Amino acid sequence: MAVVQGLAQLRRGVLEHCVLALLQHEERYGYDLVTELAEEGLLASEGTIYPLLSRLRKEELVTTSWRESPSGPPRRYYSLTPRGRVALADFALSWTDLKDSVDRILTRKGPQ
């Protein structure tokens, strides 16, 4: 059980940076982010993403704008702010170091 909880915490910890990464090239609306994260196996629900997006907006890492939707009510689109780009770049450097360290440990051979 502790392993499952640890993986869930790890997933939650990187989820916000995955959202920032998805916004780095184009603005998106919330459900679009949910769909893409789910396709990548991060299993993010709307109940997870919208509070996260609200927090990112309060931290000024993303900004929003409302747009008419071709089908249904207007949609709130999210885009990365300059501050969000810096946070994403910082995370990318840290993640690479962390990932490489974990990979080395996981693939280490025992004594010969």
C-alpha atoms as a PDB file:
ATOM      1  CA  MET A   1       0.000   0.000   0.000  1.00  0.00           C
ATOM      2  CA  ALA A   2       2.825   2.422   0.807  1.00  0.00           C
ATOM      3  CA  VAL A   3       4.299   1.935  -2.686  1.00  0.00           C
ATOM      4  CA  VAL A   4       0.986   2.808  -4.323  1.00  0.00           C
ATOM      5  CA  GLN A   5       0.651   5.931  -2.162  1.00  0.00           C
ATOM      6  CA  GLY A   6       4.234   6.915  -2.970  1.00  0.00           C
ATOM      7  CA  LEU A   7       3.592   6.592  -6.700  1.00  0.00           C
ATOM      8  CA  ALA A   8       0.388   8.620  -6.373  1.00  0.00           C
ATOM      9  CA  GLN A   9       2.296  11.389  -4.574  1.00  0.00           C
ATOM     10  CA  LEU A  10       5.029  11.335  -7.214  1.00  0.00           C
ATOM     11  CA  ARG A  11       2.422  11.545  -9.962  1.00  0.00           C
ATOM     12  CA  ARG A  12       0.684  14.481  -8.262  1.00  0.00           C
ATOM     13  CA  GLY A  13       4.025  16.189  -7.764  1.00  0.00           C
ATOM     14  CA  VAL A  14       4.906  16.150 -11.446  1.00  0.00           C
ATOM     15  CA  LEU A  15       1.391  16.706 -12.760  1.00  0.00           C
ATOM     16  CA  GLU A  16       1.511  20.493 -12.494  1.00  0.00           C
ATOM     17  CA  HIS A  17       4.727  20.601 -14.510  1.00  0.00           C
ATOM     18  CA  CYS A  18       3.241  18.295 -17.120  1.00  0.00           C
ATOM     19  CA  VAL A  19       0.366  20.775 -17.423  1.00  0.00           C
ATOM     20  CA  LEU A  20       2.855  23.628 -17.832  1.00  0.00           C
ATOM     21  CA  ALA A  21       4.675  21.600 -20.491  1.00  0.00           C
ATOM     22  CA  LEU A  22       1.438  21.016 -22.408  1.00  0.00           C
ATOM     23  CA  LEU A  23       0.839  24.769 -22.393  1.00  0.00           C
ATOM     24  CA  GLN A  24       4.312  25.766 -23.542  1.00  0.00           C
ATOM     25  CA  HIS A  25       3.475  25.760 -27.269  1.00  0.00           C
ATOM     26  CA  GLU A  26      -0.233  26.556 -27.345  1.00  0.00           C
ATOM     27  CA  GLU A  27      -3.083  27.577 -25.111  1.00  0.00           C
ATOM     28  CA  ARG A  28      -5.598  24.902 -24.161  1.00  0.00           C
ATOM     29  CA  TYR A  29      -8.819  24.511 -22.264  1.00  0.00           C
ATOM     30  CA  GLY A  30      -9.187  22.317 -19.195  1.00  0.00           C
ATOM     31  CA  TYR A  31     -10.912  19.307 -20.703  1.00  0.00           C
ATOM     32  CA  ASP A  32      -8.308  19.198 -23.481  1.00  0.00           C
ATOM     33  CA  LEU A  33      -5.603  18.956 -20.805  1.00  0.00           C
ATOM     34  CA  VAL A  34      -7.491  16.186 -18.994  1.00  0.00           C
ATOM     35  CA  THR A  35      -7.794  14.206 -22.227  1.00  0.00           C
ATOM     36  CA  GLU A  36      -4.137  14.539 -23.177  1.00  0.00           C
ATOM     37  CA  LEU A  37      -2.887  13.674 -19.687  1.00  0.00           C
ATOM     38  CA  ALA A  38      -5.140  10.614 -19.628  1.00  0.00           C
ATOM     39  CA  GLU A  39      -3.801   9.545 -23.048  1.00  0.00           C
ATOM     40  CA  GLU A  40      -0.283   9.699 -21.591  1.00  0.00           C
ATOM     41  CA  GLY A  41      -1.266   7.493 -18.667  1.00  0.00           C
ATOM     42  CA  LEU A  42      -1.346  10.147 -15.978  1.00  0.00           C
ATOM     43  CA  LEU A  43      -5.040   9.498 -15.350  1.00  0.00           C
ATOM     44  CA  ALA A  44      -5.846  13.050 -14.373  1.00  0.00           C
ATOM     45  CA  SER A  45      -9.526  13.686 -13.737  1.00  0.00           C
ATOM     46  CA  GLU A  46     -11.366  16.954 -14.109  1.00  0.00           C
ATOM     47  CA  GLY A  47     -11.611  17.021 -10.311  1.00  0.00           C
ATOM     48  CA  THR A  48      -7.820  17.046 -10.172  1.00  0.00           C
ATOM     49  CA  ILE A  49      -7.025  19.379 -13.050  1.00  0.00           C
ATOM     50  CA  TYR A  50      -9.354  22.302 -12.389  1.00  0.00           C
ATOM     51  CA  PRO A  51      -8.162  22.954  -8.811  1.00  0.00           C
ATOM     52  CA  LEU A  52      -4.585  22.604 -10.093  1.00  0.00           C
ATOM     53  CA  LEU A  53      -5.248  25.131 -12.871  1.00  0.00           C
ATOM     54  CA  SER A  54      -6.806  27.505 -10.361  1.00  0.00           C
ATOM     55  CA  ARG A  55      -3.705  27.268  -8.157  1.00  0.00           C
ATOM     56  CA  LEU A  56      -1.387  27.791 -11.157  1.00  0.00           C
ATOM     57  CA  ARG A  57      -3.397  30.886 -12.057  1.00  0.00           C
ATOM     58  CA  LYS A  58      -3.148  32.254  -8.502  1.00  0.00           C
ATOM     59  CA  GLU A  59       0.614  31.634  -8.583  1.00  0.00           C
ATOM     60  CA  GLU A  60       0.715  33.551 -11.906  1.00  0.00           C
ATOM     61  CA  LEU A  61       2.203  30.590 -13.770  1.00  0.00           C
ATOM     62  CA  VAL A  62      -0.724  30.558 -16.206  1.00  0.00           C
ATOM     63  CA  THR A  63      -3.177  33.146 -17.420  1.00  0.00           C
ATOM     64  CA  THR A  64      -6.679  32.622 -18.772  1.00  0.00           C
ATOM     65  CA  SER A  65      -9.029  33.962 -21.378  1.00  0.00           C
ATOM     66  CA  TRP A  66     -12.586  33.087 -22.284  1.00  0.00           C
ATOM     67  CA  ARG A  67     -13.503  32.059 -25.828  1.00  0.00           C
ATOM     68  CA  GLU A  68     -16.708  31.097 -27.506  1.00  0.00           C
ATOM     69  CA  SER A  69     -16.986  27.384 -28.191  1.00  0.00           C
ATOM     70  CA  PRO A  70     -18.266  25.989 -31.484  1.00  0.00           C
ATOM     71  CA  SER A  71     -20.349  23.546 -29.427  1.00  0.00           C
ATOM     72  CA  GLY A  72     -21.713  24.701 -26.105  1.00  0.00           C
ATOM     73  CA  PRO A  73     -20.829  27.389 -23.578  1.00  0.00           C
ATOM     74  CA  PRO A  74     -17.670  29.538 -23.701  1.00  0.00           C
ATOM     75  CA  ARG A  75     -14.425  27.843 -22.655  1.00  0.00           C
ATOM     76  CA  ARG A  76     -11.666  29.117 -20.412  1.00  0.00           C
ATOM     77  CA  TYR A  77      -8.321  28.774 -22.187  1.00  0.00           C
ATOM     78  CA  TYR A  78      -5.059  28.582 -20.247  1.00  0.00           C
ATOM     79  CA  SER A  79      -1.690  29.812 -21.452  1.00  0.00           C
ATOM     80  CA  LEU A  80       1.770  29.928 -19.923  1.00  0.00           C
ATOM     81  CA  THR A  81       3.052  33.188 -18.451  1.00  0.00           C
ATOM     82  CA  PRO A  82       6.735  34.178 -18.524  1.00  0.00           C
ATOM     83  CA  ARG A  83       6.892  33.135 -14.865  1.00  0.00           C
ATOM     84  CA  GLY A  84       5.383  29.762 -15.840  1.00  0.00           C
ATOM     85  CA  ARG A  85       8.045  29.313 -18.530  1.00  0.00           C
ATOM     86  CA  VAL A  86      10.789  29.890 -15.955  1.00  0.00           C
ATOM     87  CA  ALA A  87       9.173  27.404 -13.544  1.00  0.00           C
ATOM     88  CA  LEU A  88       8.936  24.821 -16.335  1.00  0.00           C
ATOM     89  CA  ALA A  89      12.571  25.335 -17.384  1.00  0.00           C
ATOM     90  CA  ASP A  90      13.742  24.999 -13.768  1.00  0.00           C
ATOM     91  CA  PHE A  91      11.712  21.818 -13.332  1.00  0.00           C
ATOM     92  CA  ALA A  92      13.024  20.348 -16.594  1.00  0.00           C
ATOM     93  CA  LEU A  93      16.621  20.708 -15.395  1.00  0.00           C
ATOM     94  CA  SER A  94      15.862  19.256 -11.980  1.00  0.00           C
ATOM     95  CA  TRP A  95      13.775  16.437 -13.453  1.00  0.00           C
ATOM     96  CA  THR A  96      16.545  15.369 -15.808  1.00  0.00           C
ATOM     97  CA  ASP A  97      19.027  15.127 -12.926  1.00  0.00           C
ATOM     98  CA  LEU A  98      16.544  13.261 -10.732  1.00  0.00           C
ATOM     99  CA  LYS A  99      15.462  10.895 -13.515  1.00  0.00           C
ATOM    100  CA  ASP A 100      19.055  10.081 -14.424  1.00  0.00           C
ATOM    101  CA  SER A 101      19.936   9.366 -10.783  1.00  0.00           C
ATOM    102  CA  VAL A 102      16.916   7.108 -10.282  1.00  0.00           C
ATOM    103  CA  ASP A 103      17.591   5.304 -13.581  1.00  0.00           C
ATOM    104  CA  ARG A 104      21.190   4.609 -12.547  1.00  0.00           C
ATOM    105  CA  ILE A 105      20.059   3.131  -9.249  1.00  0.00           C
ATOM    106  CA  LEU A 106      17.257   1.077 -10.773  1.00  0.00           C
ATOM    107  CA  THR A 107      19.512  -0.419 -13.446  1.00  0.00           C
ATOM    108  CA  ARG A 108      22.521  -0.996 -11.180  1.00  0.00           C
ATOM    109  CA  LYS A 109      23.797  -4.558 -11.272  1.00  0.00           C
ATOM    110  CA  GLY A 110      24.562  -6.376  -8.053  1.00  0.00           C
ATOM    111  CA  PRO A 111      28.014  -7.643  -7.090  1.00  0.00           C
ATOM    112  CA  GLN A 112      29.524  -9.934  -9.718  1.00  0.00           C
END
